């Protein structure tokens, strides 16, 4: 067994374990921590695939920004952890069977997959190639996405202010 294969197995087990823990944990903050483990291990797999730019984006965007946003959302809402009931043994058994079935389908799909000849220019200036493609060929979708995100942010602020004003009127 090579070191690269061993690291891949460790990172993939951390990603799968984080996903399973996120499904089975009852406290929301613990779920977010399990999700962070999944995000970081996936970033490690990206590094192994020589996609360093995507790995850094994975850590910055998902492990950083999205996780912080989820934690703020949890802290700012009136979430009651005690009202959640943990599932019984039958529910956990069904979840285990679903995960096992999902893993089996993926294993069979990957086992029978034919990728063809590997590319010879795979590791040459990945970040530069992404930047050139993003700011030349895909500039319009890139800018439209930024406008949509800005509109969503403004809409969230308006909705939050409206909820605050209604809460003050009730008191």
C-alpha atoms as a PDB file:
ATOM      1  CA  UNK A   1       0.000   0.000   0.000  1.00  0.00           C
ATOM      2  CA  UNK A   2       1.446   3.338  -1.031  1.00  0.00           C
ATOM      3  CA  UNK A   3       1.447   6.403   1.193  1.00  0.00           C
ATOM      4  CA  UNK A   4      -0.813   8.268  -1.241  1.00  0.00           C
ATOM      5  CA  UNK A   5      -3.412   5.488  -1.089  1.00  0.00           C
ATOM      6  CA  UNK A   6      -3.198   5.394   2.716  1.00  0.00           C
ATOM      7  CA  UNK A   7      -3.749   9.183   2.967  1.00  0.00           C
ATOM      8  CA  UNK A   8      -6.688   8.898   0.565  1.00  0.00           C
ATOM      9  CA  UNK A   9      -8.275   6.154   2.682  1.00  0.00           C
ATOM     10  CA  UNK A  10      -7.797   8.197   5.875  1.00  0.00           C
ATOM     11  CA  UNK A  11      -9.250  11.377   4.332  1.00  0.00           C
ATOM     12  CA  UNK A  12     -12.181   9.537   2.794  1.00  0.00           C
ATOM     13  CA  UNK A  13     -12.968   7.783   6.096  1.00  0.00           C
ATOM     14  CA  UNK A  14     -12.897  11.156   7.876  1.00  0.00           C
ATOM     15  CA  UNK A  15     -15.253  12.597   5.237  1.00  0.00           C
ATOM     16  CA  UNK A  16     -17.641   9.650   5.476  1.00  0.00           C
ATOM     17  CA  UNK A  17     -17.427   9.605   9.281  1.00  0.00           C
ATOM     18  CA  UNK A  18     -18.155  13.340   9.446  1.00  0.00           C
ATOM     19  CA  UNK A  19     -21.193  12.867   7.208  1.00  0.00           C
ATOM     20  CA  UNK A  20     -22.495   9.974   9.293  1.00  0.00           C
ATOM     21  CA  UNK A  21     -21.893  11.904  12.523  1.00  0.00           C
ATOM     22  CA  UNK A  22     -23.742  14.901  11.101  1.00  0.00           C
ATOM     23  CA  UNK A  23     -26.774  12.721  10.411  1.00  0.00           C
ATOM     24  CA  UNK A  24     -26.750  11.010  13.805  1.00  0.00           C
ATOM     25  CA  UNK A  25     -25.807  13.810  16.222  1.00  0.00           C
ATOM     26  CA  UNK A  26     -28.599  15.610  18.038  1.00  0.00           C
ATOM     27  CA  UNK A  27     -27.025  18.965  18.926  1.00  0.00           C
ATOM     28  CA  UNK A  28     -26.874  21.371  16.009  1.00  0.00           C
ATOM     29  CA  UNK A  29     -23.477  22.824  16.925  1.00  0.00           C
ATOM     30  CA  UNK A  30     -21.993  19.317  16.993  1.00  0.00           C
ATOM     31  CA  UNK A  31     -23.499  18.710  13.547  1.00  0.00           C
ATOM     32  CA  UNK A  32     -21.720  21.797  12.214  1.00  0.00           C
ATOM     33  CA  UNK A  33     -18.390  20.613  13.660  1.00  0.00           C
ATOM     34  CA  UNK A  34     -18.859  17.222  11.967  1.00  0.00           C
ATOM     35  CA  UNK A  35     -19.586  19.073   8.739  1.00  0.00           C
ATOM     36  CA  UNK A  36     -16.327  21.025   9.114  1.00  0.00           C
ATOM     37  CA  UNK A  37     -14.418  17.733   9.403  1.00  0.00           C
ATOM     38  CA  UNK A  38     -16.055  16.597   6.174  1.00  0.00           C
ATOM     39  CA  UNK A  39     -15.215  19.847   4.374  1.00  0.00           C
ATOM     40  CA  UNK A  40     -11.563  19.816   5.443  1.00  0.00           C
ATOM     41  CA  UNK A  41     -11.048  16.172   4.503  1.00  0.00           C
ATOM     42  CA  UNK A  42     -12.550  16.821   1.071  1.00  0.00           C
ATOM     43  CA  UNK A  43     -10.096  19.713   0.691  1.00  0.00           C
ATOM     44  CA  UNK A  44      -7.301  17.259   1.473  1.00  0.00           C
ATOM     45  CA  UNK A  45      -8.546  14.970  -1.278  1.00  0.00           C
ATOM     46  CA  UNK A  46      -8.509  17.947  -3.664  1.00  0.00           C
ATOM     47  CA  UNK A  47      -4.861  18.564  -2.752  1.00  0.00           C
ATOM     48  CA  UNK A  48      -4.089  14.940  -3.569  1.00  0.00           C
ATOM     49  CA  UNK A  49      -5.711  15.445  -6.984  1.00  0.00           C
ATOM     50  CA  UNK A  50      -3.401  18.454  -7.619  1.00  0.00           C
ATOM     51  CA  UNK A  51      -6.342  20.854  -7.496  1.00  0.00           C
ATOM     52  CA  UNK A  52      -4.828  23.225  -4.955  1.00  0.00           C
ATOM     53  CA  UNK A  53      -6.996  26.177  -5.955  1.00  0.00           C
ATOM     54  CA  UNK A  54     -10.189  24.200  -5.376  1.00  0.00           C
ATOM     55  CA  UNK A  55      -8.807  22.942  -2.047  1.00  0.00           C
ATOM     56  CA  UNK A  56      -8.123  26.485  -0.850  1.00  0.00           C
ATOM     57  CA  UNK A  57     -11.558  27.623  -2.024  1.00  0.00           C
ATOM     58  CA  UNK A  58     -13.094  24.623  -0.222  1.00  0.00           C
ATOM     59  CA  UNK A  59     -11.415  25.635   3.025  1.00  0.00           C
ATOM     60  CA  UNK A  60     -12.099  29.372   2.701  1.00  0.00           C
ATOM     61  CA  UNK A  61     -15.667  29.205   1.449  1.00  0.00           C
ATOM     62  CA  UNK A  62     -17.113  26.053   2.991  1.00  0.00           C
ATOM     63  CA  UNK A  63     -15.049  25.400   6.105  1.00  0.00           C
ATOM     64  CA  UNK A  64     -14.855  29.108   6.888  1.00  0.00           C
ATOM     65  CA  UNK A  65     -17.667  31.246   5.560  1.00  0.00           C
ATOM     66  CA  UNK A  66     -20.508  28.748   5.224  1.00  0.00           C
ATOM     67  CA  UNK A  67     -19.816  27.185   8.618  1.00  0.00           C
ATOM     68  CA  UNK A  68     -19.676  30.590  10.341  1.00  0.00           C
ATOM     69  CA  UNK A  69     -22.883  31.610   8.582  1.00  0.00           C
ATOM     70  CA  UNK A  70     -24.584  28.400   9.754  1.00  0.00           C
ATOM     71  CA  UNK A  71     -23.420  28.995  13.336  1.00  0.00           C
ATOM     72  CA  UNK A  72     -24.675  32.593  13.267  1.00  0.00           C
ATOM     73  CA  UNK A  73     -27.991  31.367  11.903  1.00  0.00           C
ATOM     74  CA  UNK A  74     -28.236  28.831  14.697  1.00  0.00           C
ATOM     75  CA  UNK A  75     -27.314  31.371  17.384  1.00  0.00           C
ATOM     76  CA  UNK A  76     -29.644  34.071  16.075  1.00  0.00           C
ATOM     77  CA  UNK A  77     -32.708  31.841  15.841  1.00  0.00           C
ATOM     78  CA  UNK A  78     -34.584  30.547  18.820  1.00  0.00           C
ATOM     79  CA  UNK A  79     -33.559  26.932  18.394  1.00  0.00           C
ATOM     80  CA  UNK A  80     -34.476  24.547  21.169  1.00  0.00           C
ATOM     81  CA  UNK A  81     -32.231  21.469  21.160  1.00  0.00           C
ATOM     82  CA  UNK A  82     -34.329  19.774  23.822  1.00  0.00           C
ATOM     83  CA  UNK A  83     -37.412  19.545  21.602  1.00  0.00           C
ATOM     84  CA  UNK A  84     -35.606  17.229  19.180  1.00  0.00           C
ATOM     85  CA  UNK A  85     -36.035  13.552  19.803  1.00  0.00           C
ATOM     86  CA  UNK A  86     -33.342  11.093  18.935  1.00  0.00           C
ATOM     87  CA  UNK A  87     -34.499   8.312  16.682  1.00  0.00           C
ATOM     88  CA  UNK A  88     -34.938   4.804  17.905  1.00  0.00           C
ATOM     89  CA  UNK A  89     -32.881   1.789  16.995  1.00  0.00           C
ATOM     90  CA  UNK A  90     -35.051   1.048  13.946  1.00  0.00           C
ATOM     91  CA  UNK A  91     -34.406   4.517  12.497  1.00  0.00           C
ATOM     92  CA  UNK A  92     -30.661   4.146  13.011  1.00  0.00           C
ATOM     93  CA  UNK A  93     -30.762   0.710  11.369  1.00  0.00           C
ATOM     94  CA  UNK A  94     -32.589   2.171   8.346  1.00  0.00           C
ATOM     95  CA  UNK A  95     -30.026   4.971   8.119  1.00  0.00           C
ATOM     96  CA  UNK A  96     -27.231   2.401   8.262  1.00  0.00           C
ATOM     97  CA  UNK A  97     -28.862   0.357   5.478  1.00  0.00           C
ATOM     98  CA  UNK A  98     -29.306   3.479   3.339  1.00  0.00           C
ATOM     99  CA  UNK A  99     -25.653   4.453   3.801  1.00  0.00           C
ATOM    100  CA  UNK A 100     -24.534   0.915   3.042  1.00  0.00           C
ATOM    101  CA  UNK A 101     -26.689   0.816  -0.105  1.00  0.00           C
ATOM    102  CA  UNK A 102     -25.389   4.212  -1.222  1.00  0.00           C
ATOM    103  CA  UNK A 103     -21.798   3.076  -0.695  1.00  0.00           C
ATOM    104  CA  UNK A 104     -22.430  -0.162  -2.598  1.00  0.00           C
ATOM    105  CA  UNK A 105     -23.939   1.684  -5.566  1.00  0.00           C
ATOM    106  CA  UNK A 106     -20.983   4.061  -5.657  1.00  0.00           C
ATOM    107  CA  UNK A 107     -18.496   1.210  -5.358  1.00  0.00           C
ATOM    108  CA  UNK A 108     -20.093  -0.677  -8.238  1.00  0.00           C
ATOM    109  CA  UNK A 109     -20.298   2.493 -10.325  1.00  0.00           C
ATOM    110  CA  UNK A 110     -16.655   3.382  -9.754  1.00  0.00           C
ATOM    111  CA  UNK A 111     -15.467  -0.215 -10.167  1.00  0.00           C
ATOM    112  CA  UNK A 112     -16.969  -0.413 -13.655  1.00  0.00           C
ATOM    113  CA  UNK A 113     -15.907   3.115 -14.663  1.00  0.00           C
ATOM    114  CA  UNK A 114     -13.526   3.530 -17.591  1.00  0.00           C
ATOM    115  CA  UNK A 115     -11.739   6.871 -17.579  1.00  0.00           C
ATOM    116  CA  UNK A 116      -9.666   6.494 -20.740  1.00  0.00           C
ATOM    117  CA  UNK A 117      -6.185   7.907 -21.188  1.00  0.00           C
ATOM    118  CA  UNK A 118      -4.951  10.357 -18.540  1.00  0.00           C
ATOM    119  CA  UNK A 119      -4.233  13.893 -19.646  1.00  0.00           C
ATOM    120  CA  UNK A 120      -0.582  14.867 -19.933  1.00  0.00           C
ATOM    121  CA  UNK A 121      -1.097  18.567 -19.100  1.00  0.00           C
ATOM    122  CA  UNK A 122      -3.095  18.040 -15.941  1.00  0.00           C
ATOM    123  CA  UNK A 123      -0.834  19.769 -13.426  1.00  0.00           C
ATOM    124  CA  UNK A 124       0.242  22.827 -15.403  1.00  0.00           C
ATOM    125  CA  UNK A 125      -0.819  26.211 -13.985  1.00  0.00           C
ATOM    126  CA  UNK A 126      -4.213  25.143 -12.638  1.00  0.00           C
ATOM    127  CA  UNK A 127      -5.004  28.465 -10.993  1.00  0.00           C
ATOM    128  CA  UNK A 128      -3.950  30.480 -14.030  1.00  0.00           C
ATOM    129  CA  UNK A 129      -6.104  28.341 -16.332  1.00  0.00           C
ATOM    130  CA  UNK A 130      -9.115  28.775 -14.023  1.00  0.00           C
ATOM    131  CA  UNK A 131      -8.592  32.549 -13.906  1.00  0.00           C
ATOM    132  CA  UNK A 132      -8.265  32.874 -17.674  1.00  0.00           C
ATOM    133  CA  UNK A 133     -11.403  30.786 -18.264  1.00  0.00           C
ATOM    134  CA  UNK A 134     -13.368  32.579 -15.537  1.00  0.00           C
ATOM    135  CA  UNK A 135     -12.556  36.109 -16.659  1.00  0.00           C
ATOM    136  CA  UNK A 136     -12.702  35.524 -20.418  1.00  0.00           C
ATOM    137  CA  UNK A 137     -15.135  32.778 -21.388  1.00  0.00           C
ATOM    138  CA  UNK A 138     -17.394  32.829 -18.302  1.00  0.00           C
ATOM    139  CA  UNK A 139     -17.345  36.517 -17.318  1.00  0.00           C
ATOM    140  CA  UNK A 140     -21.110  37.077 -17.814  1.00  0.00           C
ATOM    141  CA  UNK A 141     -22.238  34.111 -15.639  1.00  0.00           C
ATOM    142  CA  UNK A 142     -19.618  35.097 -13.044  1.00  0.00           C
ATOM    143  CA  UNK A 143     -20.921  38.660 -12.812  1.00  0.00           C
ATOM    144  CA  UNK A 144     -24.570  37.526 -12.827  1.00  0.00           C
ATOM    145  CA  UNK A 145     -23.804  35.204  -9.926  1.00  0.00           C
ATOM    146  CA  UNK A 146     -22.302  38.073  -7.937  1.00  0.00           C
ATOM    147  CA  UNK A 147     -25.409  40.226  -8.609  1.00  0.00           C
ATOM    148  CA  UNK A 148     -27.717  37.369  -7.526  1.00  0.00           C
ATOM    149  CA  UNK A 149     -25.718  36.907  -4.312  1.00  0.00           C
ATOM    150  CA  UNK A 150     -25.889  40.644  -3.616  1.00  0.00           C
ATOM    151  CA  UNK A 151     -29.691  40.631  -4.130  1.00  0.00           C
ATOM    152  CA  UNK A 152     -30.000  37.633  -1.788  1.00  0.00           C
ATOM    153  CA  UNK A 153     -27.935  39.434   0.862  1.00  0.00           C
ATOM    154  CA  UNK A 154     -30.080  42.576   0.615  1.00  0.00           C
ATOM    155  CA  UNK A 155     -33.243  40.449   0.765  1.00  0.00           C
ATOM    156  CA  UNK A 156     -32.004  38.681   3.902  1.00  0.00           C
ATOM    157  CA  UNK A 157     -31.249  42.021   5.569  1.00  0.00           C
ATOM    158  CA  UNK A 158     -34.717  43.365   4.673  1.00  0.00           C
ATOM    159  CA  UNK A 159     -36.399  40.241   6.035  1.00  0.00           C
ATOM    160  CA  UNK A 160     -34.352  40.354   9.243  1.00  0.00           C
ATOM    161  CA  UNK A 161     -35.217  44.036   9.793  1.00  0.00           C
ATOM    162  CA  UNK A 162     -38.900  43.313   9.193  1.00  0.00           C
ATOM    163  CA  UNK A 163     -38.835  40.508  11.794  1.00  0.00           C
ATOM    164  CA  UNK A 164     -37.119  42.834  14.293  1.00  0.00           C
ATOM    165  CA  UNK A 165     -39.733  45.555  13.760  1.00  0.00           C
ATOM    166  CA  UNK A 166     -42.602  43.071  14.183  1.00  0.00           C
ATOM    167  CA  UNK A 167     -40.959  41.717  17.360  1.00  0.00           C
ATOM    168  CA  UNK A 168     -40.694  45.226  18.821  1.00  0.00           C
ATOM    169  CA  UNK A 169     -44.383  45.955  18.039  1.00  0.00           C
ATOM    170  CA  UNK A 170     -45.506  42.825  19.879  1.00  0.00           C
ATOM    171  CA  UNK A 171     -43.666  43.787  23.067  1.00  0.00           C
END
